[in-house]
């Protein structure tokens, strides 16, 4: 068993987006997943990007967001929805609402998102 204490969870910030690392390579020995709770404030955006070797599953927890997909496509993403991105799938998110949008992200194999948020050690 591995217990992750709240004090070992890091939160990275980038353009207002808060990425809380619940289980990641710095606080877990898991070789299978990273689990992240992401909060996107009104008007904030995670630009389109890809992950070369990892897939991600996003579970919308609260609010309403807009998925930013390949070829400038978009799709509404609201509380209760689940989306899976295969490795190399283009994805991002924009919060065009007036309330925080929050989702849980499960990434496999794990990624340490510190660098992506400009939070170098």
Protein backbone atom coordinates (compact mmCIF):
# COMPACT_ATOMS: atom_id res chain seq x y z
CA UNK A 1 0.00 0.00 0.00
CA UNK A 2 1.09 3.53 -0.68
CA UNK A 3 -0.52 6.45 1.16
CA UNK A 4 -0.11 9.92 -0.37
CA UNK A 5 -0.31 12.63 2.29
CA UNK A 6 -1.80 15.96 1.22
CA UNK A 7 1.42 17.74 2.22
CA UNK A 8 3.32 15.89 -0.54
CA UNK A 9 0.97 17.13 -3.27
CA UNK A 10 2.29 20.04 -5.32
CA UNK A 11 0.25 22.62 -7.20
CA UNK A 12 1.73 24.10 -10.36
CA UNK A 13 0.37 27.34 -11.85
CA UNK A 14 0.47 28.60 -15.43
CA UNK A 15 -1.66 31.47 -16.77
CA UNK A 16 -4.07 31.07 -13.86
CA UNK A 17 -4.53 27.32 -14.40
CA UNK A 18 -3.84 25.35 -11.19
CA UNK A 19 -2.62 21.77 -11.65
CA UNK A 20 -2.70 19.90 -8.34
CA UNK A 21 -0.49 16.82 -8.53
CA UNK A 22 -2.36 14.29 -6.39
CA UNK A 23 -0.18 11.34 -7.42
CA UNK A 24 2.90 11.97 -9.56
CA UNK A 25 6.51 10.80 -9.88
CA UNK A 26 7.71 13.00 -6.99
CA UNK A 27 5.30 11.64 -4.36
CA UNK A 28 4.58 8.13 -5.63
CA UNK A 29 6.41 5.07 -6.88
CA UNK A 30 3.62 4.34 -9.39
CA UNK A 31 4.93 3.41 -12.81
CA UNK A 32 1.42 3.42 -14.30
CA UNK A 33 -0.37 6.73 -13.68
CA UNK A 34 -0.22 10.39 -12.75
CA UNK A 35 -3.43 11.79 -11.22
CA UNK A 36 -4.01 15.53 -11.39
CA UNK A 37 -6.88 17.83 -10.36
CA UNK A 38 -6.94 20.84 -12.68
CA UNK A 39 -8.80 24.09 -12.03
CA UNK A 40 -9.25 26.47 -14.97
CA UNK A 41 -10.60 29.90 -13.97
CA UNK A 42 -13.01 31.89 -16.16
CA UNK A 43 -11.30 33.06 -19.36
CA UNK A 44 -8.19 30.90 -18.84
CA UNK A 45 -6.95 28.43 -21.41
CA UNK A 46 -4.67 25.43 -21.66
CA UNK A 47 -3.34 25.69 -25.22
CA UNK A 48 -3.53 22.78 -27.62
CA UNK A 49 -0.74 20.28 -27.05
CA UNK A 50 0.08 16.57 -27.29
CA UNK A 51 1.82 13.95 -25.18
CA UNK A 52 4.20 11.84 -27.20
CA UNK A 53 3.95 8.59 -25.22
CA UNK A 54 1.10 8.97 -22.72
CA UNK A 55 -2.66 8.78 -22.96
CA UNK A 56 -4.92 10.89 -20.76
CA UNK A 57 -8.41 10.50 -19.41
CA UNK A 58 -10.18 13.68 -18.27
CA UNK A 59 -13.24 13.57 -16.01
CA UNK A 60 -15.16 16.86 -15.82
CA UNK A 61 -15.96 17.53 -12.15
CA UNK A 62 -17.62 20.95 -12.22
CA UNK A 63 -18.43 23.76 -14.60
CA UNK A 64 -18.38 23.88 -18.37
CA UNK A 65 -15.36 24.05 -20.63
CA UNK A 66 -14.51 23.86 -24.29
CA UNK A 67 -12.15 21.12 -25.49
CA UNK A 68 -9.61 22.44 -27.99
CA UNK A 69 -8.97 19.68 -30.51
CA UNK A 70 -6.99 19.10 -33.71
CA UNK A 71 -7.75 21.13 -36.84
CA UNK A 72 -9.18 24.01 -34.76
CA UNK A 73 -12.14 21.84 -33.72
CA UNK A 74 -13.83 22.32 -30.35
CA UNK A 75 -16.31 20.34 -28.26
CA UNK A 76 -18.26 21.27 -25.13
CA UNK A 77 -17.04 19.46 -21.99
CA UNK A 78 -19.28 19.67 -18.91
CA UNK A 79 -19.50 18.16 -15.43
CA UNK A 80 -19.99 14.40 -15.66
CA UNK A 81 -18.38 14.04 -19.11
CA UNK A 82 -15.33 11.84 -19.67
CA UNK A 83 -12.89 12.10 -22.57
CA UNK A 84 -9.86 9.95 -23.47
CA UNK A 85 -6.95 11.22 -25.51
CA UNK A 86 -4.61 8.66 -27.04
CA UNK A 87 -0.89 9.42 -27.16
CA UNK A 88 -0.25 12.18 -29.74
CA UNK A 89 -3.92 13.35 -29.78
CA UNK A 90 -4.14 17.14 -29.86
CA UNK A 91 -6.01 18.52 -26.85
CA UNK A 92 -6.42 21.62 -24.72
CA UNK A 93 -9.15 23.39 -22.81
CA UNK A 94 -10.70 26.85 -22.61
CA UNK A 95 -13.02 28.05 -19.90
CA UNK A 96 -15.43 30.45 -21.59
CA UNK A 97 -17.85 30.43 -18.64
CA UNK A 98 -18.02 32.73 -15.62
CA UNK A 99 -17.21 30.04 -13.05
CA UNK A 100 -14.21 27.79 -12.41
CA UNK A 101 -14.00 24.63 -14.49
CA UNK A 102 -12.46 21.65 -12.73
CA UNK A 103 -11.47 18.24 -14.05
CA UNK A 104 -9.50 15.21 -12.95
CA UNK A 105 -6.79 13.93 -15.27
CA UNK A 106 -5.35 10.41 -15.28
CA UNK A 107 -2.17 10.08 -17.35
CA UNK A 108 -0.55 6.77 -18.30
CA UNK A 109 2.32 6.15 -18.32
CA UNK A 110 3.01 8.86 -15.71
CA UNK A 111 4.32 12.31 -16.55
CA UNK A 112 5.88 14.80 -14.16
CA UNK A 113 4.13 18.02 -15.22
CA UNK A 114 6.51 20.31 -13.32
CA UNK A 115 8.34 21.37 -16.50
CA UNK A 116 5.11 21.92 -18.46
CA UNK A 117 4.06 24.45 -15.82
CA UNK A 118 7.44 26.17 -15.75
CA UNK A 119 8.00 25.00 -12.19
CA UNK A 120 11.59 23.81 -12.47
CA UNK A 121 13.19 22.46 -9.32
